[in-house]
Amino acid sequence: MSEAQQWICESCGFIYDPEEGDPDGGVPGGTPFEEIPDDWFCPVCGARKKDFSIYEG
């Protein structure tokens, strides 16, 4: 199980896992959510970074 803090998109439920990153979105694995550029968006629904919250799963 991942020890890195995961974040969930409030719009579609996509979970951002820092260990995986979002390679297609230009975010390499190992990138904490806080270090993702502010213009990054959800790869599933296009929601903005501010539409994510900490995932307590």
PDB file of N, CA and C in Angstrom:
ATOM      1  N   MET A   1       0.841  -1.200   0.000  1.00  0.00           N
ATOM      2  CA  MET A   1       0.000   0.000   0.000  1.00  0.00           C
ATOM      3  C   MET A   1       0.877   1.253   0.000  1.00  0.00           C
ATOM      4  N   SER A   2       0.427   2.242  -0.695  1.00  0.00           N
ATOM      5  CA  SER A   2       1.179   3.491  -0.833  1.00  0.00           C
ATOM      6  C   SER A   2       1.186   4.279   0.469  1.00  0.00           C
ATOM      7  N   GLU A   3       2.370   4.803   0.828  1.00  0.00           N
ATOM      8  CA  GLU A   3       2.453   5.647   2.010  1.00  0.00           C
ATOM      9  C   GLU A   3       2.294   7.117   1.631  1.00  0.00           C
ATOM     10  N   ALA A   4       2.440   7.427   0.362  1.00  0.00           N
ATOM     11  CA  ALA A   4       2.301   8.801  -0.098  1.00  0.00           C
ATOM     12  C   ALA A   4       0.830   9.208  -0.060  1.00  0.00           C
ATOM     13  N   GLN A   5       0.571  10.469   0.233  1.00  0.00           N
ATOM     14  CA  GLN A   5      -0.801  10.968   0.333  1.00  0.00           C
ATOM     15  C   GLN A   5      -1.470  10.983  -1.035  1.00  0.00           C
ATOM     16  N   GLN A   6      -2.596  10.319  -1.134  1.00  0.00           N
ATOM     17  CA  GLN A   6      -3.354  10.304  -2.372  1.00  0.00           C
ATOM     18  C   GLN A   6      -4.427  11.395  -2.318  1.00  0.00           C
ATOM     19  N   TRP A   7      -4.828  11.853  -3.511  1.00  0.00           N
ATOM     20  CA  TRP A   7      -5.840  12.897  -3.637  1.00  0.00           C
ATOM     21  C   TRP A   7      -6.936  12.418  -4.572  1.00  0.00           C
ATOM     22  N   ILE A   8      -8.181  12.817  -4.315  1.00  0.00           N
ATOM     23  CA  ILE A   8      -9.302  12.366  -5.136  1.00  0.00           C
ATOM     24  C   ILE A   8      -9.984  13.551  -5.821  1.00  0.00           C
ATOM     25  N   CYS A   9     -10.348  13.349  -7.077  1.00  0.00           N
ATOM     26  CA  CYS A   9     -11.075  14.372  -7.830  1.00  0.00           C
ATOM     27  C   CYS A   9     -12.517  14.370  -7.344  1.00  0.00           C
ATOM     28  N   GLU A  10     -12.983  15.519  -6.891  1.00  0.00           N
ATOM     29  CA  GLU A  10     -14.344  15.624  -6.387  1.00  0.00           C
ATOM     30  C   GLU A  10     -15.378  15.530  -7.503  1.00  0.00           C
ATOM     31  N   SER A  11     -14.949  15.719  -8.733  1.00  0.00           N
ATOM     32  CA  SER A  11     -15.881  15.676  -9.862  1.00  0.00           C
ATOM     33  C   SER A  11     -16.151  14.254 -10.355  1.00  0.00           C
ATOM     34  N   CYS A  12     -15.067  13.430 -10.483  1.00  0.00           N
ATOM     35  CA  CYS A  12     -15.253  12.114 -11.095  1.00  0.00           C
ATOM     36  C   CYS A  12     -14.768  10.942 -10.260  1.00  0.00           C
ATOM     37  N   GLY A  13     -14.017  11.216  -9.198  1.00  0.00           N
ATOM     38  CA  GLY A  13     -13.537  10.141  -8.347  1.00  0.00           C
ATOM     39  C   GLY A  13     -12.161   9.601  -8.711  1.00  0.00           C
ATOM     40  N   PHE A  14     -11.505  10.196  -9.718  1.00  0.00           N
ATOM     41  CA  PHE A  14     -10.143   9.790 -10.064  1.00  0.00           C
ATOM     42  C   PHE A  14      -9.240   9.994  -8.850  1.00  0.00           C
ATOM     43  N   ILE A  15      -8.382   9.021  -8.578  1.00  0.00           N
ATOM     44  CA  ILE A  15      -7.454   9.144  -7.458  1.00  0.00           C
ATOM     45  C   ILE A  15      -6.050   9.369  -7.985  1.00  0.00           C
ATOM     46  N   TYR A  16      -5.439  10.486  -7.556  1.00  0.00           N
ATOM     47  CA  TYR A  16      -4.056  10.783  -7.924  1.00  0.00           C
ATOM     48  C   TYR A  16      -3.153  10.102  -6.908  1.00  0.00           C
ATOM     49  N   ASP A  17      -2.299   9.208  -7.401  1.00  0.00           N
ATOM     50  CA  ASP A  17      -1.325   8.511  -6.569  1.00  0.00           C
ATOM     51  C   ASP A  17       0.051   9.071  -6.906  1.00  0.00           C
ATOM     52  N   PRO A  18       0.685   9.740  -5.936  1.00  0.00           N
ATOM     53  CA  PRO A  18       2.001  10.342  -6.204  1.00  0.00           C
ATOM     54  C   PRO A  18       3.047   9.345  -6.692  1.00  0.00           C
ATOM     55  N   GLU A  19       2.951   8.092  -6.290  1.00  0.00           N
ATOM     56  CA  GLU A  19       3.928   7.100  -6.739  1.00  0.00           C
ATOM     57  C   GLU A  19       3.802   6.840  -8.240  1.00  0.00           C
ATOM     58  N   GLU A  20       2.591   6.961  -8.771  1.00  0.00           N
ATOM     59  CA  GLU A  20       2.369   6.744 -10.207  1.00  0.00           C
ATOM     60  C   GLU A  20       2.491   8.032 -11.002  1.00  0.00           C
ATOM     61  N   GLY A  21       2.108   9.158 -10.386  1.00  0.00           N
ATOM     62  CA  GLY A  21       2.096  10.428 -11.092  1.00  0.00           C
ATOM     63  C   GLY A  21       1.042  10.429 -12.192  1.00  0.00           C
ATOM     64  N   ASP A  22       1.231  11.267 -13.185  1.00  0.00           N
ATOM     65  CA  ASP A  22       0.357  11.329 -14.365  1.00  0.00           C
ATOM     66  C   ASP A  22       1.263  11.554 -15.564  1.00  0.00           C
ATOM     67  N   PRO A  23       1.967  10.489 -15.985  1.00  0.00           N
ATOM     68  CA  PRO A  23       2.934  10.641 -17.084  1.00  0.00           C
ATOM     69  C   PRO A  23       2.345  11.281 -18.335  1.00  0.00           C
ATOM     70  N   ASP A  24       1.101  10.935 -18.675  1.00  0.00           N
ATOM     71  CA  ASP A  24       0.484  11.524 -19.866  1.00  0.00           C
ATOM     72  C   ASP A  24       0.218  13.014 -19.687  1.00  0.00           C
ATOM     73  N   GLY A  25       0.099  13.449 -18.423  1.00  0.00           N
ATOM     74  CA  GLY A  25      -0.145  14.858 -18.127  1.00  0.00           C
ATOM     75  C   GLY A  25       1.124  15.606 -17.782  1.00  0.00           C
ATOM     76  N   GLY A  26       2.282  14.956 -17.979  1.00  0.00           N
ATOM     77  CA  GLY A  26       3.562  15.621 -17.736  1.00  0.00           C
ATOM     78  C   GLY A  26       4.003  15.603 -16.286  1.00  0.00           C
ATOM     79  N   VAL A  27       3.400  14.723 -15.457  1.00  0.00           N
ATOM     80  CA  VAL A  27       3.764  14.637 -14.046  1.00  0.00           C
ATOM     81  C   VAL A  27       4.402  13.265 -13.805  1.00  0.00           C
ATOM     82  N   PRO A  28       5.724  13.244 -13.597  1.00  0.00           N
ATOM     83  CA  PRO A  28       6.397  11.958 -13.406  1.00  0.00           C
ATOM     84  C   PRO A  28       6.048  11.303 -12.079  1.00  0.00           C
ATOM     85  N   GLY A  29       6.166   9.971 -12.029  1.00  0.00           N
ATOM     86  CA  GLY A  29       5.955   9.254 -10.785  1.00  0.00           C
ATOM     87  C   GLY A  29       6.877   9.801  -9.704  1.00  0.00           C
ATOM     88  N   GLY A  30       6.397   9.792  -8.461  1.00  0.00           N
ATOM     89  CA  GLY A  30       7.183  10.318  -7.350  1.00  0.00           C
ATOM     90  C   GLY A  30       6.928  11.787  -7.075  1.00  0.00           C
ATOM     91  N   THR A  31       5.976  12.397  -7.807  1.00  0.00           N
ATOM     92  CA  THR A  31       5.680  13.814  -7.622  1.00  0.00           C
ATOM     93  C   THR A  31       4.542  13.999  -6.619  1.00  0.00           C
ATOM     94  N   PRO A  32       4.825  14.642  -5.450  1.00  0.00           N
ATOM     95  CA  PRO A  32       3.751  14.911  -4.496  1.00  0.00           C
ATOM     96  C   PRO A  32       2.711  15.845  -5.121  1.00  0.00           C
ATOM     97  N   PHE A  33       1.460  15.703  -4.710  1.00  0.00           N
ATOM     98  CA  PHE A  33       0.382  16.510  -5.271  1.00  0.00           C
ATOM     99  C   PHE A  33       0.690  18.003  -5.155  1.00  0.00           C
ATOM    100  N   GLU A  34       1.277  18.400  -4.044  1.00  0.00           N
ATOM    101  CA  GLU A  34       1.572  19.817  -3.808  1.00  0.00           C
ATOM    102  C   GLU A  34       2.544  20.399  -4.822  1.00  0.00           C
ATOM    103  N   GLU A  35       3.329  19.535  -5.472  1.00  0.00           N
ATOM    104  CA  GLU A  35       4.337  20.000  -6.436  1.00  0.00           C
ATOM    105  C   GLU A  35       3.858  19.973  -7.882  1.00  0.00           C
ATOM    106  N   ILE A  36       2.617  19.507  -8.091  1.00  0.00           N
ATOM    107  CA  ILE A  36       2.059  19.503  -9.447  1.00  0.00           C
ATOM    108  C   ILE A  36       1.774  20.955  -9.845  1.00  0.00           C
ATOM    109  N   PRO A  37       2.057  21.345 -11.083  1.00  0.00           N
ATOM    110  CA  PRO A  37       1.752  22.718 -11.520  1.00  0.00           C
ATOM    111  C   PRO A  37       0.266  23.044 -11.347  1.00  0.00           C
ATOM    112  N   ASP A  38      -0.029  24.286 -11.030  1.00  0.00           N
ATOM    113  CA  ASP A  38      -1.411  24.717 -10.806  1.00  0.00           C
ATOM    114  C   ASP A  38      -2.281  24.596 -12.056  1.00  0.00           C
ATOM    115  N   ASP A  39      -1.657  24.526 -13.233  1.00  0.00           N
ATOM    116  CA  ASP A  39      -2.461  24.418 -14.455  1.00  0.00           C
ATOM    117  C   ASP A  39      -2.710  22.952 -14.859  1.00  0.00           C
ATOM    118  N   TRP A  40      -2.270  22.016 -14.012  1.00  0.00           N
ATOM    119  CA  TRP A  40      -2.557  20.599 -14.257  1.00  0.00           C
ATOM    120  C   TRP A  40      -4.045  20.358 -14.063  1.00  0.00           C
ATOM    121  N   PHE A  41      -4.585  19.351 -14.747  1.00  0.00           N
ATOM    122  CA  PHE A  41      -6.002  19.039 -14.606  1.00  0.00           C
ATOM    123  C   PHE A  41      -6.211  17.535 -14.562  1.00  0.00           C
ATOM    124  N   CYS A  42      -7.364  17.108 -14.074  1.00  0.00           N
ATOM    125  CA  CYS A  42      -7.699  15.698 -13.955  1.00  0.00           C
ATOM    126  C   CYS A  42      -7.632  15.040 -15.332  1.00  0.00           C
ATOM    127  N   PRO A  43      -6.884  13.928 -15.434  1.00  0.00           N
ATOM    128  CA  PRO A  43      -6.766  13.255 -16.735  1.00  0.00           C
ATOM    129  C   PRO A  43      -8.060  12.562 -17.179  1.00  0.00           C
ATOM    130  N   VAL A  44      -9.009  12.412 -16.281  1.00  0.00           N
ATOM    131  CA  VAL A  44     -10.261  11.743 -16.618  1.00  0.00           C
ATOM    132  C   VAL A  44     -11.342  12.729 -17.043  1.00  0.00           C
ATOM    133  N   CYS A  45     -11.560  13.770 -16.209  1.00  0.00           N
ATOM    134  CA  CYS A  45     -12.679  14.671 -16.488  1.00  0.00           C
ATOM    135  C   CYS A  45     -12.288  16.115 -16.761  1.00  0.00           C
ATOM    136  N   GLY A  46     -11.007  16.456 -16.585  1.00  0.00           N
ATOM    137  CA  GLY A  46     -10.562  17.810 -16.871  1.00  0.00           C
ATOM    138  C   GLY A  46     -10.750  18.799 -15.734  1.00  0.00           C
ATOM    139  N   ALA A  47     -11.135  18.306 -14.532  1.00  0.00           N
ATOM    140  CA  ALA A  47     -11.302  19.203 -13.385  1.00  0.00           C
ATOM    141  C   ALA A  47      -9.951  19.820 -13.022  1.00  0.00           C
ATOM    142  N   ARG A  48      -9.998  20.993 -12.434  1.00  0.00           N
ATOM    143  CA  ARG A  48      -8.772  21.676 -12.056  1.00  0.00           C
ATOM    144  C   ARG A  48      -8.186  21.109 -10.768  1.00  0.00           C
ATOM    145  N   LYS A  49      -6.937  21.412 -10.512  1.00  0.00           N
ATOM    146  CA  LYS A  49      -6.240  20.912  -9.326  1.00  0.00           C
ATOM    147  C   LYS A  49      -6.978  21.284  -8.047  1.00  0.00           C
ATOM    148  N   LYS A  50      -7.588  22.453  -8.022  1.00  0.00           N
ATOM    149  CA  LYS A  50      -8.287  22.899  -6.808  1.00  0.00           C
ATOM    150  C   LYS A  50      -9.549  22.085  -6.526  1.00  0.00           C
ATOM    151  N   ASP A  51      -9.971  21.271  -7.498  1.00  0.00           N
ATOM    152  CA  ASP A  51     -11.147  20.423  -7.313  1.00  0.00           C
ATOM    153  C   ASP A  51     -10.805  19.064  -6.717  1.00  0.00           C
ATOM    154  N   PHE A  52      -9.583  18.895  -6.258  1.00  0.00           N
ATOM    155  CA  PHE A  52      -9.156  17.660  -5.606  1.00  0.00           C
ATOM    156  C   PHE A  52      -9.103  17.862  -4.098  1.00  0.00           C
ATOM    157  N   SER A  53      -9.342  16.788  -3.355  1.00  0.00           N
ATOM    158  CA  SER A  53      -9.218  16.821  -1.905  1.00  0.00           C
ATOM    159  C   SER A  53      -8.454  15.578  -1.452  1.00  0.00           C
ATOM    160  N   ILE A  54      -7.968  15.606  -0.229  1.00  0.00           N
ATOM    161  CA  ILE A  54      -7.206  14.484   0.299  1.00  0.00           C
ATOM    162  C   ILE A  54      -8.098  13.251   0.337  1.00  0.00           C
ATOM    163  N   TYR A  55      -7.536  12.147  -0.149  1.00  0.00           N
ATOM    164  CA  TYR A  55      -8.269  10.880  -0.192  1.00  0.00           C
ATOM    165  C   TYR A  55      -8.018  10.120   1.102  1.00  0.00           C
ATOM    166  N   GLU A  56      -9.088   9.807   1.806  1.00  0.00           N
ATOM    167  CA  GLU A  56      -8.970   9.130   3.095  1.00  0.00           C
ATOM    168  C   GLU A  56      -9.162   7.624   2.983  1.00  0.00           C
ATOM    169  N   GLY A  57      -9.289   7.107   1.737  1.00  0.00           N
ATOM    170  CA  GLY A  57      -9.591   5.724   1.451  1.00  0.00           C
ATOM    171  C   GLY A  57      -8.920   4.743   2.336  1.00  0.00           C
TER     172      GLY A  57
END
